[in-house]
Amino acid sequence: MMTKRKNTGLDFVVDKLTNSIENIVTGDSFPTEISVVTRDDLKLTTKKNGWVFNWLSEFKQPEREVYKLTIVNNPAGLPTSEIF
């Protein structure tokens, strides 16, 4: 029996695709690296530190891969993908 998947929407808008992280106010562009998230990376992604998404829960799902976007080793975002 196949389980019905819950459709979850996203609450953000992608305004522009670029090859780096860009400040939309100033237009400044920052060199960006994409790498796989480690459990240690997730120690900083807590509600106490201002994150509103539970990245550890996402990380623990075996069918998902979580990546981090960094600007000179500063976390900027954590995209995730699901393997089908």
C-alpha atoms as a PDB file:
ATOM      1  CA  MET A   1       0.000   0.000   0.000  1.00  0.00           C
ATOM      2  CA  MET A   2       1.359   3.382  -0.988  1.00  0.00           C
ATOM      3  CA  THR A   3       1.251   6.155   1.611  1.00  0.00           C
ATOM      4  CA  LYS A   4      -0.235   9.455   0.560  1.00  0.00           C
ATOM      5  CA  ARG A   5       2.318  12.250   0.807  1.00  0.00           C
ATOM      6  CA  LYS A   6       1.388  15.520   2.431  1.00  0.00           C
ATOM      7  CA  ASN A   7       1.965  18.476   0.123  1.00  0.00           C
ATOM      8  CA  THR A   8       3.848  21.191   1.986  1.00  0.00           C
ATOM      9  CA  GLY A   9       4.009  24.677   0.551  1.00  0.00           C
ATOM     10  CA  LEU A  10       6.871  27.110   0.732  1.00  0.00           C
ATOM     11  CA  ASP A  11       6.472  30.511   2.342  1.00  0.00           C
ATOM     12  CA  PHE A  12       9.128  32.419   0.417  1.00  0.00           C
ATOM     13  CA  VAL A  13       9.583  33.839  -3.048  1.00  0.00           C
ATOM     14  CA  VAL A  14      12.675  33.325  -5.187  1.00  0.00           C
ATOM     15  CA  ASP A  15      13.107  36.775  -6.679  1.00  0.00           C
ATOM     16  CA  LYS A  16      16.152  36.056  -8.819  1.00  0.00           C
ATOM     17  CA  LEU A  17      18.540  33.183  -9.553  1.00  0.00           C
ATOM     18  CA  THR A  18      22.212  34.073  -9.246  1.00  0.00           C
ATOM     19  CA  ASN A  19      25.535  32.247  -8.987  1.00  0.00           C
ATOM     20  CA  SER A  20      26.121  33.698  -5.523  1.00  0.00           C
ATOM     21  CA  ILE A  21      24.302  35.177  -2.566  1.00  0.00           C
ATOM     22  CA  GLU A  22      23.306  38.729  -3.364  1.00  0.00           C
ATOM     23  CA  ASN A  23      22.160  41.556  -1.104  1.00  0.00           C
ATOM     24  CA  ILE A  24      18.998  42.833  -2.769  1.00  0.00           C
ATOM     25  CA  VAL A  25      19.283  46.260  -1.126  1.00  0.00           C
ATOM     26  CA  THR A  26      22.899  47.050  -2.077  1.00  0.00           C
ATOM     27  CA  GLY A  27      23.411  44.685  -5.021  1.00  0.00           C
ATOM     28  CA  ASP A  28      26.579  43.357  -3.383  1.00  0.00           C
ATOM     29  CA  SER A  29      27.421  39.803  -4.426  1.00  0.00           C
ATOM     30  CA  PHE A  30      29.220  37.381  -2.116  1.00  0.00           C
ATOM     31  CA  PRO A  31      31.223  34.289  -3.113  1.00  0.00           C
ATOM     32  CA  THR A  32      29.060  31.319  -2.177  1.00  0.00           C
ATOM     33  CA  GLU A  33      29.912  27.715  -1.399  1.00  0.00           C
ATOM     34  CA  ILE A  34      27.422  24.833  -1.310  1.00  0.00           C
ATOM     35  CA  SER A  35      28.303  21.812   0.814  1.00  0.00           C
ATOM     36  CA  VAL A  36      26.591  18.972   2.650  1.00  0.00           C
ATOM     37  CA  VAL A  37      25.429  19.797   6.189  1.00  0.00           C
ATOM     38  CA  THR A  38      26.951  17.881   9.108  1.00  0.00           C
ATOM     39  CA  ARG A  39      25.381  17.233  12.485  1.00  0.00           C
ATOM     40  CA  ASP A  40      27.851  19.735  13.988  1.00  0.00           C
ATOM     41  CA  ASP A  41      26.590  22.437  11.580  1.00  0.00           C
ATOM     42  CA  LEU A  42      23.097  21.956  12.964  1.00  0.00           C
ATOM     43  CA  LYS A  43      24.138  22.850  16.521  1.00  0.00           C
ATOM     44  CA  LEU A  44      23.821  26.504  15.473  1.00  0.00           C
ATOM     45  CA  THR A  45      20.430  26.207  13.753  1.00  0.00           C
ATOM     46  CA  THR A  46      18.271  26.491  16.868  1.00  0.00           C
ATOM     47  CA  LYS A  47      15.264  28.639  17.737  1.00  0.00           C
ATOM     48  CA  LYS A  48      17.474  30.319  20.331  1.00  0.00           C
ATOM     49  CA  ASN A  49      19.744  31.446  17.467  1.00  0.00           C
ATOM     50  CA  GLY A  50      16.806  32.764  15.426  1.00  0.00           C
ATOM     51  CA  TRP A  51      16.103  29.794  13.142  1.00  0.00           C
ATOM     52  CA  VAL A  52      12.398  29.024  12.760  1.00  0.00           C
ATOM     53  CA  PHE A  53      12.763  25.663  10.985  1.00  0.00           C
ATOM     54  CA  ASN A  54      13.796  22.401  12.665  1.00  0.00           C
ATOM     55  CA  TRP A  55      16.790  21.468  10.493  1.00  0.00           C
ATOM     56  CA  LEU A  56      17.802  18.569  12.752  1.00  0.00           C
ATOM     57  CA  SER A  57      14.457  16.902  12.067  1.00  0.00           C
ATOM     58  CA  GLU A  58      14.991  17.430   8.329  1.00  0.00           C
ATOM     59  CA  PHE A  59      18.555  16.081   8.595  1.00  0.00           C
ATOM     60  CA  LYS A  60      17.371  12.881  10.302  1.00  0.00           C
ATOM     61  CA  GLN A  61      15.100  11.894   7.395  1.00  0.00           C
ATOM     62  CA  PRO A  62      17.120   9.328   5.391  1.00  0.00           C
ATOM     63  CA  GLU A  63      15.491  10.181   2.060  1.00  0.00           C
ATOM     64  CA  ARG A  64      16.628  13.829   2.288  1.00  0.00           C
ATOM     65  CA  GLU A  65      19.935  15.569   1.742  1.00  0.00           C
ATOM     66  CA  VAL A  66      20.485  18.919   3.451  1.00  0.00           C
ATOM     67  CA  TYR A  67      23.040  21.388   2.102  1.00  0.00           C
ATOM     68  CA  LYS A  68      24.396  24.657   3.423  1.00  0.00           C
ATOM     69  CA  LEU A  69      25.086  27.887   1.585  1.00  0.00           C
ATOM     70  CA  THR A  70      27.998  29.762   3.093  1.00  0.00           C
ATOM     71  CA  ILE A  71      29.618  33.144   2.646  1.00  0.00           C
ATOM     72  CA  VAL A  72      33.210  32.939   3.882  1.00  0.00           C
ATOM     73  CA  ASN A  73      32.225  30.143   6.293  1.00  0.00           C
ATOM     74  CA  ASN A  74      29.111  31.954   7.598  1.00  0.00           C
ATOM     75  CA  PRO A  75      25.846  29.980   7.287  1.00  0.00           C
ATOM     76  CA  ALA A  76      23.514  31.784   4.928  1.00  0.00           C
ATOM     77  CA  GLY A  77      20.880  29.180   4.198  1.00  0.00           C
ATOM     78  CA  LEU A  78      20.115  25.455   4.278  1.00  0.00           C
ATOM     79  CA  PRO A  79      18.425  24.071   1.176  1.00  0.00           C
ATOM     80  CA  THR A  80      17.252  20.472   1.232  1.00  0.00           C
ATOM     81  CA  SER A  81      16.330  17.934  -1.404  1.00  0.00           C
ATOM     82  CA  GLU A  82      14.501  14.635  -1.331  1.00  0.00           C
ATOM     83  CA  ILE A  83      15.706  11.598  -3.231  1.00  0.00           C
ATOM     84  CA  PHE A  84      12.890   9.890  -5.131  1.00  0.00           C
END
